[in-house]
Amino acid sequence: MSVDIAQHPDSSLGLVGSASTGGAGFIPVTINYVATTPDCTFFVADRAYVVKAIRGRVDVAGTGGACTAQIRKTPTATAPASGTVLHSGSFNLVGTANANQALTLSTTASDLLLAVGDALSYDLTGTATSAVGSITVHLAPA
């Protein structure tokens, strides 16, 4: 599938997929977490994608000590904690409330490619006592 530049009705430019495949531009995929959210899968690819950005926001900072999350690419039959980390560093669940966090994407291009059936997974380290927030992965059709 190709990705093209298109002009929107408001005259801005954006990316869209080809009309023949019915694709669209960037696809935001969000996991909303609370303190009890376990390691889990939150998206399964229905086509090939490229990860373009990962951003999150803490609504309520965790209070149970250090607590971080990683977003991983997990092929079928792979546990969330065993997949490929898509970024350097980690998302801080005890970070400043109402502050955005942008994660630096992996510099290994193949890490950022999702094949049909690959999943995005949330992998928690530490105790997320009282933590609430969201993490969004921005995908583009590949």
N, C-alpha and C. Protein backbone atom coordinates (compact mmCIF):
# COMPACT_ATOMS: atom_id res chain seq x y z
N MET A 1 0.85 -1.18 0.00
CA MET A 1 0.00 0.00 0.00
C MET A 1 0.89 1.23 0.00
N SER A 2 0.53 2.19 -0.78
CA SER A 2 1.31 3.43 -0.82
C SER A 2 0.67 4.47 0.08
N VAL A 3 1.44 5.43 0.47
CA VAL A 3 0.94 6.55 1.25
C VAL A 3 1.19 7.80 0.43
N ASP A 4 0.15 8.61 0.27
CA ASP A 4 0.22 9.80 -0.55
C ASP A 4 -0.08 11.05 0.26
N ILE A 5 0.34 12.19 -0.27
CA ILE A 5 0.01 13.47 0.34
C ILE A 5 -1.32 13.94 -0.27
N ALA A 6 -2.21 14.41 0.57
CA ALA A 6 -3.51 14.90 0.10
C ALA A 6 -3.84 16.22 0.77
N GLN A 7 -4.57 17.06 0.06
CA GLN A 7 -5.00 18.32 0.63
C GLN A 7 -6.38 18.13 1.24
N HIS A 8 -6.53 18.56 2.50
CA HIS A 8 -7.80 18.46 3.21
C HIS A 8 -8.68 19.66 2.88
N PRO A 9 -9.98 19.59 3.19
CA PRO A 9 -10.89 20.71 2.91
C PRO A 9 -10.47 22.04 3.53
N ASP A 10 -9.72 21.99 4.65
CA ASP A 10 -9.28 23.22 5.30
C ASP A 10 -7.95 23.73 4.71
N SER A 11 -7.51 23.15 3.60
CA SER A 11 -6.29 23.49 2.87
C SER A 11 -5.01 22.95 3.48
N SER A 12 -5.09 22.27 4.62
CA SER A 12 -3.90 21.66 5.19
C SER A 12 -3.55 20.40 4.39
N LEU A 13 -2.32 19.93 4.58
CA LEU A 13 -1.87 18.71 3.90
C LEU A 13 -1.79 17.58 4.91
N GLY A 14 -1.99 16.37 4.45
CA GLY A 14 -1.88 15.19 5.30
C GLY A 14 -1.53 13.98 4.47
N LEU A 15 -1.31 12.86 5.13
CA LEU A 15 -0.98 11.61 4.46
C LEU A 15 -2.21 10.73 4.42
N VAL A 16 -2.43 10.08 3.29
CA VAL A 16 -3.54 9.15 3.14
C VAL A 16 -3.07 7.92 2.39
N GLY A 17 -3.76 6.81 2.59
CA GLY A 17 -3.46 5.59 1.84
C GLY A 17 -4.06 5.68 0.46
N SER A 18 -3.74 4.71 -0.37
CA SER A 18 -4.25 4.71 -1.73
C SER A 18 -5.75 4.40 -1.74
N ALA A 19 -6.45 4.97 -2.69
CA ALA A 19 -7.89 4.77 -2.80
C ALA A 19 -8.22 3.32 -3.13
N SER A 20 -7.34 2.63 -3.84
CA SER A 20 -7.63 1.26 -4.24
C SER A 20 -7.69 0.29 -3.07
N THR A 21 -7.02 0.60 -1.99
CA THR A 21 -7.03 -0.29 -0.83
C THR A 21 -7.87 0.26 0.31
N GLY A 22 -8.41 1.45 0.13
CA GLY A 22 -9.26 2.02 1.17
C GLY A 22 -8.50 2.45 2.40
N GLY A 23 -7.20 2.62 2.29
CA GLY A 23 -6.38 2.99 3.44
C GLY A 23 -6.59 4.43 3.86
N ALA A 24 -6.08 4.77 5.00
CA ALA A 24 -6.19 6.12 5.51
C ALA A 24 -4.81 6.57 5.97
N GLY A 25 -4.72 7.75 6.52
CA GLY A 25 -3.46 8.30 6.99
C GLY A 25 -3.04 7.67 8.29
N PHE A 26 -2.49 8.47 9.18
CA PHE A 26 -1.99 7.95 10.44
C PHE A 26 -3.11 7.34 11.27
N ILE A 27 -2.78 6.25 11.96
CA ILE A 27 -3.72 5.53 12.79
C ILE A 27 -3.25 5.64 14.23
N PRO A 28 -3.97 6.37 15.09
CA PRO A 28 -3.58 6.41 16.50
C PRO A 28 -4.19 5.22 17.24
N VAL A 29 -3.36 4.53 18.00
CA VAL A 29 -3.80 3.38 18.80
C VAL A 29 -3.45 3.70 20.25
N THR A 30 -4.46 3.72 21.12
CA THR A 30 -4.26 4.17 22.50
C THR A 30 -4.57 3.07 23.50
N ILE A 31 -3.72 2.98 24.52
CA ILE A 31 -4.05 2.17 25.70
C ILE A 31 -4.27 3.15 26.85
N ASN A 32 -5.43 3.05 27.45
CA ASN A 32 -5.73 3.82 28.66
C ASN A 32 -5.44 2.89 29.83
N TYR A 33 -4.52 3.29 30.69
CA TYR A 33 -4.13 2.41 31.80
C TYR A 33 -4.62 2.96 33.13
N VAL A 34 -4.81 2.04 34.06
CA VAL A 34 -5.08 2.36 35.46
C VAL A 34 -4.11 1.50 36.27
N ALA A 35 -4.09 1.70 37.56
CA ALA A 35 -3.12 1.01 38.42
C ALA A 35 -3.18 -0.51 38.29
N THR A 36 -4.34 -1.06 37.96
CA THR A 36 -4.50 -2.52 37.91
C THR A 36 -4.33 -3.10 36.51
N THR A 37 -3.98 -2.27 35.51
CA THR A 37 -3.80 -2.78 34.16
C THR A 37 -2.56 -3.69 34.11
N PRO A 38 -2.73 -4.95 33.71
CA PRO A 38 -1.59 -5.87 33.64
C PRO A 38 -0.87 -5.75 32.30
N ASP A 39 0.27 -6.44 32.17
CA ASP A 39 0.89 -6.56 30.85
C ASP A 39 -0.17 -7.09 29.91
N CYS A 40 -0.34 -6.46 28.75
CA CYS A 40 -1.41 -6.89 27.86
C CYS A 40 -1.18 -6.42 26.43
N THR A 41 -1.89 -7.07 25.52
CA THR A 41 -1.94 -6.67 24.12
C THR A 41 -3.06 -5.65 23.97
N PHE A 42 -2.81 -4.57 23.20
CA PHE A 42 -3.88 -3.58 23.01
C PHE A 42 -4.16 -3.27 21.55
N PHE A 43 -3.45 -3.95 20.63
CA PHE A 43 -3.72 -3.76 19.20
C PHE A 43 -3.12 -4.94 18.45
N VAL A 44 -3.85 -5.45 17.45
CA VAL A 44 -3.33 -6.48 16.55
C VAL A 44 -3.45 -5.94 15.14
N ALA A 45 -2.34 -5.94 14.40
CA ALA A 45 -2.29 -5.36 13.06
C ALA A 45 -3.10 -6.16 12.06
N ASP A 46 -3.94 -5.45 11.31
CA ASP A 46 -4.73 -6.06 10.25
C ASP A 46 -4.06 -5.92 8.89
N ARG A 47 -2.96 -5.18 8.85
CA ARG A 47 -2.15 -4.98 7.65
C ARG A 47 -0.78 -4.52 8.11
N ALA A 48 0.13 -4.30 7.22
CA ALA A 48 1.47 -3.83 7.58
C ALA A 48 1.42 -2.35 7.97
N TYR A 49 2.14 -2.01 9.04
CA TYR A 49 2.23 -0.63 9.52
C TYR A 49 3.67 -0.29 9.86
N VAL A 50 3.93 1.00 9.97
CA VAL A 50 5.19 1.52 10.47
C VAL A 50 4.86 2.38 11.69
N VAL A 51 5.56 2.17 12.79
CA VAL A 51 5.38 3.00 13.99
C VAL A 51 6.06 4.34 13.73
N LYS A 52 5.31 5.42 13.88
CA LYS A 52 5.82 6.76 13.60
C LYS A 52 6.09 7.59 14.85
N ALA A 53 5.39 7.30 15.94
CA ALA A 53 5.59 8.06 17.18
C ALA A 53 4.90 7.33 18.33
N ILE A 54 5.41 7.56 19.54
CA ILE A 54 4.77 7.05 20.75
C ILE A 54 4.76 8.19 21.76
N ARG A 55 3.56 8.53 22.20
CA ARG A 55 3.40 9.62 23.17
C ARG A 55 2.42 9.19 24.24
N GLY A 56 2.61 9.71 25.43
CA GLY A 56 1.69 9.39 26.51
C GLY A 56 1.50 10.56 27.44
N ARG A 57 0.56 10.39 28.34
CA ARG A 57 0.27 11.44 29.32
C ARG A 57 -0.18 10.79 30.61
N VAL A 58 0.41 11.23 31.70
CA VAL A 58 0.04 10.78 33.04
C VAL A 58 -1.09 11.69 33.52
N ASP A 59 -2.23 11.08 33.88
CA ASP A 59 -3.32 11.86 34.46
C ASP A 59 -3.18 11.91 35.98
N VAL A 60 -2.90 10.75 36.58
CA VAL A 60 -2.64 10.65 38.02
C VAL A 60 -1.34 9.88 38.17
N ALA A 61 -0.36 10.49 38.82
CA ALA A 61 0.94 9.84 39.00
C ALA A 61 0.83 8.70 40.00
N GLY A 62 1.47 7.58 39.68
CA GLY A 62 1.52 6.46 40.60
C GLY A 62 2.27 6.84 41.87
N THR A 63 1.96 6.16 42.98
CA THR A 63 2.57 6.51 44.27
C THR A 63 3.28 5.32 44.91
N GLY A 64 3.46 4.24 44.17
CA GLY A 64 4.04 3.03 44.75
C GLY A 64 5.53 2.88 44.51
N GLY A 65 6.23 3.95 44.24
CA GLY A 65 7.64 3.87 43.92
C GLY A 65 7.84 3.86 42.41
N ALA A 66 9.05 3.56 41.98
CA ALA A 66 9.36 3.58 40.55
C ALA A 66 8.44 2.64 39.78
N CYS A 67 7.90 3.14 38.67
CA CYS A 67 7.02 2.32 37.83
C CYS A 67 7.08 2.85 36.40
N THR A 68 7.43 1.97 35.48
CA THR A 68 7.56 2.36 34.08
C THR A 68 6.85 1.36 33.18
N ALA A 69 6.63 1.78 31.95
CA ALA A 69 6.04 0.89 30.95
C ALA A 69 6.85 0.98 29.67
N GLN A 70 6.86 -0.12 28.94
CA GLN A 70 7.45 -0.17 27.61
C GLN A 70 6.37 -0.64 26.65
N ILE A 71 6.43 -0.13 25.43
CA ILE A 71 5.54 -0.59 24.37
C ILE A 71 6.36 -1.52 23.50
N ARG A 72 5.81 -2.73 23.28
CA ARG A 72 6.55 -3.77 22.54
C ARG A 72 5.77 -4.25 21.33
N LYS A 73 6.51 -4.67 20.32
CA LYS A 73 5.94 -5.38 19.17
C LYS A 73 6.02 -6.86 19.49
N THR A 74 4.87 -7.54 19.46
CA THR A 74 4.86 -8.96 19.81
C THR A 74 4.22 -9.77 18.68
N PRO A 75 5.01 -10.62 18.04
CA PRO A 75 4.43 -11.52 17.03
C PRO A 75 3.48 -12.52 17.69
N THR A 76 2.69 -13.19 16.90
CA THR A 76 1.77 -14.19 17.42
C THR A 76 2.53 -15.22 18.25
N ALA A 77 1.91 -15.72 19.30
CA ALA A 77 2.47 -16.72 20.23
C ALA A 77 3.62 -16.17 21.07
N THR A 78 3.71 -14.82 21.20
CA THR A 78 4.75 -14.18 22.01
C THR A 78 4.09 -13.41 23.15
N ALA A 79 4.56 -13.63 24.36
CA ALA A 79 4.03 -12.92 25.53
C ALA A 79 4.34 -11.43 25.45
N PRO A 80 3.47 -10.56 26.00
CA PRO A 80 3.72 -9.12 25.94
C PRO A 80 5.10 -8.70 26.44
N ALA A 81 5.59 -9.31 27.50
CA ALA A 81 6.89 -8.91 28.06
C ALA A 81 8.07 -9.45 27.27
N SER A 82 7.83 -10.28 26.26
CA SER A 82 8.92 -10.90 25.50
C SER A 82 9.10 -10.30 24.10
N GLY A 83 8.29 -9.32 23.75
CA GLY A 83 8.39 -8.74 22.42
C GLY A 83 9.54 -7.75 22.30
N THR A 84 9.62 -7.13 21.14
CA THR A 84 10.67 -6.15 20.82
C THR A 84 10.25 -4.77 21.30
N VAL A 85 11.07 -4.14 22.13
CA VAL A 85 10.77 -2.77 22.60
C VAL A 85 10.88 -1.81 21.42
N LEU A 86 9.89 -0.95 21.26
CA LEU A 86 9.84 -0.04 20.11
C LEU A 86 10.53 1.30 20.34
N HIS A 87 11.10 1.50 21.50
CA HIS A 87 11.66 2.81 21.85
C HIS A 87 12.83 2.63 22.81
N SER A 88 13.60 3.70 22.96
CA SER A 88 14.62 3.73 24.02
C SER A 88 13.97 4.35 25.25
N GLY A 89 14.54 4.09 26.40
CA GLY A 89 13.95 4.61 27.63
C GLY A 89 12.62 3.94 27.92
N SER A 90 11.82 4.58 28.75
CA SER A 90 10.52 4.00 29.11
C SER A 90 9.56 5.13 29.49
N PHE A 91 8.28 4.78 29.54
CA PHE A 91 7.25 5.72 29.95
C PHE A 91 7.15 5.68 31.47
N ASN A 92 7.20 6.83 32.11
CA ASN A 92 7.23 6.94 33.57
C ASN A 92 5.82 7.14 34.12
N LEU A 93 5.26 6.08 34.74
CA LEU A 93 3.91 6.16 35.29
C LEU A 93 3.84 6.98 36.57
N VAL A 94 4.97 7.30 37.16
CA VAL A 94 5.00 8.16 38.34
C VAL A 94 5.54 9.55 37.97
N GLY A 95 5.47 9.86 36.67
CA GLY A 95 5.93 11.16 36.19
C GLY A 95 4.96 12.26 36.58
N THR A 96 5.26 13.45 36.14
CA THR A 96 4.46 14.63 36.45
C THR A 96 3.05 14.51 35.87
N ALA A 97 2.05 14.72 36.70
CA ALA A 97 0.66 14.65 36.24
C ALA A 97 0.40 15.72 35.19
N ASN A 98 -0.39 15.37 34.20
CA ASN A 98 -0.82 16.27 33.12
C ASN A 98 0.32 16.73 32.22
N ALA A 99 1.43 16.01 32.25
CA ALA A 99 2.56 16.33 31.38
C ALA A 99 2.71 15.23 30.33
N ASN A 100 2.93 15.63 29.09
CA ASN A 100 3.13 14.68 28.01
C ASN A 100 4.53 14.10 28.06
N GLN A 101 4.65 12.85 27.63
CA GLN A 101 5.95 12.20 27.48
C GLN A 101 6.04 11.66 26.06
N ALA A 102 7.09 12.02 25.34
CA ALA A 102 7.33 11.50 24.00
C ALA A 102 8.49 10.52 24.10
N LEU A 103 8.26 9.29 23.65
CA LEU A 103 9.32 8.29 23.69
C LEU A 103 10.13 8.33 22.40
N THR A 104 11.43 8.16 22.50
CA THR A 104 12.31 8.14 21.34
C THR A 104 12.24 6.77 20.69
N LEU A 105 11.88 6.74 19.41
CA LEU A 105 11.72 5.47 18.71
C LEU A 105 13.05 4.77 18.52
N SER A 106 12.99 3.45 18.43
CA SER A 106 14.16 2.63 18.15
C SER A 106 14.83 3.12 16.87
N THR A 107 16.14 3.05 16.82
CA THR A 107 16.87 3.43 15.62
C THR A 107 17.02 2.25 14.66
N THR A 108 16.52 1.08 15.05
CA THR A 108 16.54 -0.09 14.18
C THR A 108 15.22 -0.11 13.40
N ALA A 109 15.29 0.20 12.11
CA ALA A 109 14.08 0.36 11.30
C ALA A 109 13.18 -0.87 11.33
N SER A 110 13.75 -2.06 11.32
CA SER A 110 12.92 -3.27 11.31
C SER A 110 12.11 -3.43 12.59
N ASP A 111 12.58 -2.85 13.70
CA ASP A 111 11.82 -2.91 14.95
C ASP A 111 10.48 -2.20 14.81
N LEU A 112 10.43 -1.19 13.96
CA LEU A 112 9.26 -0.33 13.84
C LEU A 112 8.26 -0.80 12.79
N LEU A 113 8.55 -1.92 12.14
CA LEU A 113 7.65 -2.47 11.13
C LEU A 113 6.74 -3.52 11.76
N LEU A 114 5.44 -3.34 11.62
CA LEU A 114 4.47 -4.32 12.09
C LEU A 114 3.94 -5.09 10.89
N ALA A 115 3.99 -6.40 10.96
CA ALA A 115 3.41 -7.25 9.92
C ALA A 115 1.97 -7.59 10.32
N VAL A 116 1.20 -8.08 9.38
CA VAL A 116 -0.15 -8.54 9.69
C VAL A 116 -0.06 -9.57 10.82
N GLY A 117 -0.83 -9.38 11.86
CA GLY A 117 -0.85 -10.29 13.00
C GLY A 117 0.07 -9.90 14.14
N ASP A 118 1.04 -9.00 13.90
CA ASP A 118 1.86 -8.50 15.00
C ASP A 118 0.98 -7.67 15.94
N ALA A 119 1.31 -7.70 17.21
CA ALA A 119 0.53 -6.95 18.20
C ALA A 119 1.38 -5.86 18.83
N LEU A 120 0.71 -4.86 19.39
CA LEU A 120 1.34 -3.88 20.26
C LEU A 120 0.98 -4.28 21.67
N SER A 121 1.98 -4.30 22.55
CA SER A 121 1.75 -4.73 23.92
C SER A 121 2.29 -3.71 24.91
N TYR A 122 1.66 -3.69 26.06
CA TYR A 122 1.99 -2.82 27.19
C TYR A 122 2.70 -3.71 28.20
N ASP A 123 3.93 -3.33 28.57
CA ASP A 123 4.75 -4.12 29.50
C ASP A 123 5.13 -3.23 30.68
N LEU A 124 4.60 -3.57 31.84
CA LEU A 124 4.76 -2.77 33.06
C LEU A 124 5.89 -3.31 33.93
N THR A 125 6.66 -2.41 34.52
CA THR A 125 7.69 -2.76 35.49
C THR A 125 7.45 -1.91 36.73
N GLY A 126 7.36 -2.54 37.89
CA GLY A 126 7.12 -1.81 39.13
C GLY A 126 5.67 -1.93 39.56
N THR A 127 5.29 -1.12 40.54
CA THR A 127 3.93 -1.13 41.07
C THR A 127 3.25 0.18 40.70
N ALA A 128 2.14 0.07 39.97
CA ALA A 128 1.48 1.25 39.43
C ALA A 128 0.43 1.84 40.38
N THR A 129 0.65 1.75 41.66
CA THR A 129 -0.31 2.22 42.66
C THR A 129 -0.87 3.59 42.28
N SER A 130 -2.16 3.68 42.08
CA SER A 130 -2.94 4.89 41.78
C SER A 130 -2.68 5.50 40.40
N ALA A 131 -1.81 4.91 39.58
CA ALA A 131 -1.47 5.49 38.27
C ALA A 131 -2.65 5.43 37.31
N VAL A 132 -2.87 6.53 36.59
CA VAL A 132 -3.90 6.62 35.55
C VAL A 132 -3.33 7.46 34.41
N GLY A 133 -3.57 7.04 33.18
CA GLY A 133 -3.11 7.82 32.03
C GLY A 133 -3.33 7.08 30.74
N SER A 134 -2.64 7.50 29.70
CA SER A 134 -2.77 6.86 28.40
C SER A 134 -1.46 6.96 27.63
N ILE A 135 -1.29 6.00 26.73
CA ILE A 135 -0.14 5.99 25.82
C ILE A 135 -0.70 5.73 24.43
N THR A 136 -0.30 6.56 23.46
CA THR A 136 -0.76 6.42 22.09
C THR A 136 0.40 6.11 21.18
N VAL A 137 0.22 5.09 20.35
CA VAL A 137 1.19 4.74 19.31
C VAL A 137 0.60 5.20 17.99
N HIS A 138 1.35 6.00 17.25
CA HIS A 138 0.89 6.51 15.95
C HIS A 138 1.47 5.63 14.86
N LEU A 139 0.60 5.05 14.04
CA LEU A 139 1.00 4.13 12.98
C LEU A 139 0.70 4.75 11.63
N ALA A 140 1.47 4.35 10.62
CA ALA A 140 1.18 4.71 9.23
C ALA A 140 1.15 3.42 8.43
N PRO A 141 0.26 3.32 7.45
CA PRO A 141 0.25 2.14 6.61
C PRO A 141 1.61 1.96 5.93
N ALA A 142 2.06 0.72 5.84
CA ALA A 142 3.37 0.46 5.22
C ALA A 142 3.18 0.06 3.77
